[in-house]
Amino acid sequence: MWGDIGLLILRLVVGLLLAGHGAQKLFGWFGGPGLKGVAGWLDSIGLRPPMFWAIMAGLSEFGGGLLLALGLLNPIGSLGIIAAMLMAILVVHWGQGLWNENRGSELPLTNLAVALALALTGPGAYSLDAALGVALPQPATLWGGLALVILGAAVALAGRSEPEPASRRS
């Protein structure tokens, strides 16, 4: 019982915070930039096409966070979060060290580890998966999903161009 309560707390806190972060990107909620702002930023760091990747980032965080918080369709929510955090580490935080003080990968790495751990353990008894009797085939769903995450990251990085110098951006 206590382990299931622990999983519930972890899912709710991490899932809802990441869903909120995704809502900032998708809808401009909570003071976020919205899709247009995120696409502009992604364009400035060389991800092409920027609107596609803005939508993918927002959906990965918002949808992944909601699925994780609800404990629904495990491990799909975790995979969305893992994808978003892997891209954040590779594109934004790489080369900045570990700690957040230097814009390092500390927080996205923590979120990625939590999402992976929850994908491996399952959502627990206090989840919609348990209430509805839903169980995706494991470990095939997790391993296949991780392969797709890695493929998606490779595609994004392969299509990345050198960011335009700030003096030339309009």
Protein backbone atom coordinates (compact mmCIF):
# COMPACT_ATOMS: atom_id res chain seq x y z
CA MET A 1 0.00 0.00 0.00
CA TRP A 2 2.67 2.55 0.99
CA GLY A 3 4.65 1.84 -2.17
CA ASP A 4 1.54 2.53 -4.26
CA ILE A 5 0.99 5.81 -2.40
CA GLY A 6 4.61 6.72 -3.09
CA LEU A 7 4.14 6.01 -6.80
CA LEU A 8 0.96 8.11 -6.80
CA ILE A 9 2.73 11.09 -5.21
CA LEU A 10 5.65 10.82 -7.62
CA ARG A 11 3.35 10.49 -10.64
CA LEU A 12 1.17 13.43 -9.59
CA VAL A 13 3.99 15.84 -8.79
CA VAL A 14 6.24 15.09 -11.76
CA GLY A 15 3.38 14.48 -14.19
CA LEU A 16 1.43 17.64 -13.38
CA LEU A 17 4.52 19.85 -13.34
CA LEU A 18 5.56 18.56 -16.76
CA ALA A 19 2.00 18.88 -18.07
CA GLY A 20 2.08 22.51 -16.92
CA HIS A 21 5.40 23.02 -18.66
CA GLY A 22 3.92 21.58 -21.85
CA ALA A 23 0.84 23.83 -21.47
CA GLN A 24 3.22 26.82 -21.42
CA LYS A 25 4.55 25.69 -24.79
CA LEU A 26 1.26 24.65 -26.41
CA PHE A 27 -1.19 27.22 -25.08
CA GLY A 28 0.85 30.01 -23.51
CA TRP A 29 -0.63 29.15 -20.10
CA PHE A 30 1.17 29.96 -16.83
CA GLY A 31 3.14 32.76 -18.48
CA GLY A 32 4.53 30.53 -21.20
CA PRO A 33 5.48 31.58 -24.72
CA GLY A 34 2.93 29.48 -26.62
CA LEU A 35 3.67 27.61 -29.82
CA LYS A 36 4.75 30.68 -31.77
CA GLY A 37 7.27 31.68 -29.10
CA VAL A 38 8.63 28.16 -28.70
CA ALA A 39 8.92 27.74 -32.48
CA GLY A 40 10.85 31.02 -32.69
CA TRP A 41 13.24 29.88 -29.97
CA LEU A 42 13.71 26.45 -31.56
CA ASP A 43 14.40 28.16 -34.89
CA SER A 44 17.05 30.31 -33.19
CA ILE A 45 18.85 27.19 -31.93
CA GLY A 46 18.70 25.49 -35.33
CA LEU A 47 15.89 22.92 -35.02
CA ARG A 48 14.08 22.59 -38.34
CA PRO A 49 11.17 22.74 -38.96
CA PRO A 50 10.67 24.76 -35.78
CA MET A 51 6.85 24.65 -35.56
CA PHE A 52 6.82 20.85 -35.89
CA TRP A 53 9.35 20.48 -33.09
CA ALA A 54 7.51 23.05 -30.95
CA ILE A 55 4.33 20.98 -31.25
CA MET A 56 6.24 17.76 -30.50
CA ALA A 57 7.90 19.31 -27.43
CA GLY A 58 4.60 20.66 -26.11
CA LEU A 59 2.69 17.42 -26.73
CA SER A 60 5.46 15.29 -25.22
CA GLU A 61 5.43 17.30 -22.01
CA PHE A 62 1.70 18.07 -21.78
CA GLY A 63 0.38 14.70 -22.94
CA GLY A 64 3.15 12.71 -21.32
CA GLY A 65 2.70 14.57 -18.05
CA LEU A 66 -1.07 14.05 -18.02
CA LEU A 67 -0.79 10.34 -18.83
CA LEU A 68 1.87 9.94 -16.14
CA ALA A 69 -0.17 11.81 -13.51
CA LEU A 70 -3.27 9.75 -14.29
CA GLY A 71 -1.35 6.49 -14.46
CA LEU A 72 -2.93 5.80 -17.83
CA LEU A 73 -1.42 3.77 -20.68
CA ASN A 74 1.88 3.15 -18.92
CA PRO A 75 4.60 3.58 -20.28
CA ILE A 76 3.37 5.97 -23.02
CA GLY A 77 3.38 9.05 -20.75
CA SER A 78 6.85 8.23 -19.50
CA LEU A 79 8.09 7.87 -23.07
CA GLY A 80 6.80 11.34 -23.97
CA ILE A 81 8.62 12.81 -20.98
CA ILE A 82 11.79 10.86 -21.76
CA ALA A 83 11.71 12.18 -25.33
CA ALA A 84 11.29 15.80 -24.24
CA MET A 85 13.97 15.56 -21.55
CA LEU A 86 16.44 13.78 -23.83
CA MET A 87 16.07 16.56 -26.40
CA ALA A 88 16.43 19.22 -23.70
CA ILE A 89 19.64 17.59 -22.49
CA LEU A 90 21.10 17.16 -25.98
CA VAL A 91 20.08 20.50 -27.50
CA VAL A 92 19.99 22.95 -24.60
CA HIS A 93 22.05 21.65 -21.67
CA TRP A 94 24.81 19.60 -23.33
CA GLY A 95 28.25 20.96 -22.55
CA GLN A 96 26.97 23.06 -19.63
CA GLY A 97 27.95 20.53 -16.97
CA LEU A 98 25.60 18.82 -14.57
CA TRP A 99 24.42 21.52 -12.20
CA ASN A 100 21.57 23.90 -12.87
CA GLU A 101 23.62 26.94 -11.79
CA ASN A 102 25.52 26.59 -15.08
CA ARG A 103 22.41 25.69 -17.15
CA GLY A 104 23.43 22.05 -16.76
CA SER A 105 21.31 18.97 -17.26
CA GLU A 106 20.48 18.35 -13.58
CA LEU A 107 16.69 18.91 -13.79
CA PRO A 108 15.93 17.30 -17.17
CA LEU A 109 18.11 14.33 -16.21
CA THR A 110 16.15 13.97 -12.95
CA ASN A 111 12.83 14.14 -14.82
CA LEU A 112 14.07 11.58 -17.35
CA ALA A 113 15.18 9.22 -14.58
CA VAL A 114 11.84 9.52 -12.76
CA ALA A 115 9.91 8.87 -15.97
CA LEU A 116 12.07 5.84 -16.79
CA ALA A 117 11.75 4.46 -13.25
CA LEU A 118 7.95 4.82 -13.40
CA ALA A 119 7.87 3.16 -16.82
CA LEU A 120 9.79 0.22 -15.37
CA THR A 121 7.82 -0.10 -12.10
CA GLY A 122 4.39 0.67 -13.49
CA PRO A 123 1.91 3.26 -12.22
CA GLY A 124 0.83 1.37 -9.09
CA ALA A 125 -2.56 0.45 -7.67
CA TYR A 126 -3.84 4.03 -7.53
CA SER A 127 -3.88 4.60 -11.27
CA LEU A 128 -6.35 4.57 -14.12
CA ASP A 129 -4.52 1.59 -15.60
CA ALA A 130 -5.31 -0.38 -12.42
CA ALA A 131 -8.88 0.92 -12.18
CA LEU A 132 -9.64 0.14 -15.83
CA GLY A 133 -7.62 -3.06 -16.04
CA VAL A 134 -5.42 -1.61 -18.79
CA ALA A 135 -2.01 -3.15 -19.36
CA LEU A 136 0.04 -2.52 -22.47
CA PRO A 137 2.35 -5.40 -23.40
CA GLN A 138 5.60 -5.14 -21.46
CA PRO A 139 8.52 -4.96 -21.98
CA ALA A 140 7.82 -4.63 -25.72
CA THR A 141 6.00 -1.30 -25.37
CA LEU A 142 8.80 0.24 -23.31
CA TRP A 143 11.69 -1.04 -25.46
CA GLY A 144 9.92 -0.26 -28.72
CA GLY A 145 9.01 3.18 -27.42
CA LEU A 146 12.58 3.88 -26.33
CA ALA A 147 13.80 2.89 -29.79
CA LEU A 148 11.33 5.38 -31.31
CA VAL A 149 12.47 8.09 -28.88
CA ILE A 150 16.10 7.57 -29.89
CA LEU A 151 15.14 7.55 -33.58
CA GLY A 152 13.17 10.78 -33.15
CA ALA A 153 16.08 12.47 -31.37
CA ALA A 154 18.44 11.34 -34.14
CA VAL A 155 16.10 12.77 -36.81
CA ALA A 156 15.80 16.07 -34.94
CA LEU A 157 19.55 16.38 -34.50
CA ALA A 158 20.29 15.35 -38.09
CA GLY A 159 18.01 18.11 -39.37
CA ARG A 160 19.52 20.72 -37.08
CA SER A 161 21.29 23.59 -38.76
CA GLU A 162 23.75 26.02 -37.32
CA PRO A 163 21.85 28.76 -35.52
CA GLU A 164 21.86 32.07 -37.33
CA PRO A 165 23.91 34.72 -35.51
CA ALA A 166 21.74 37.05 -33.44
CA SER A 167 22.89 40.02 -35.54
CA ARG A 168 21.26 38.48 -38.66
CA ARG A 169 17.98 37.34 -37.08
CA SER A 170 15.01 39.60 -37.61
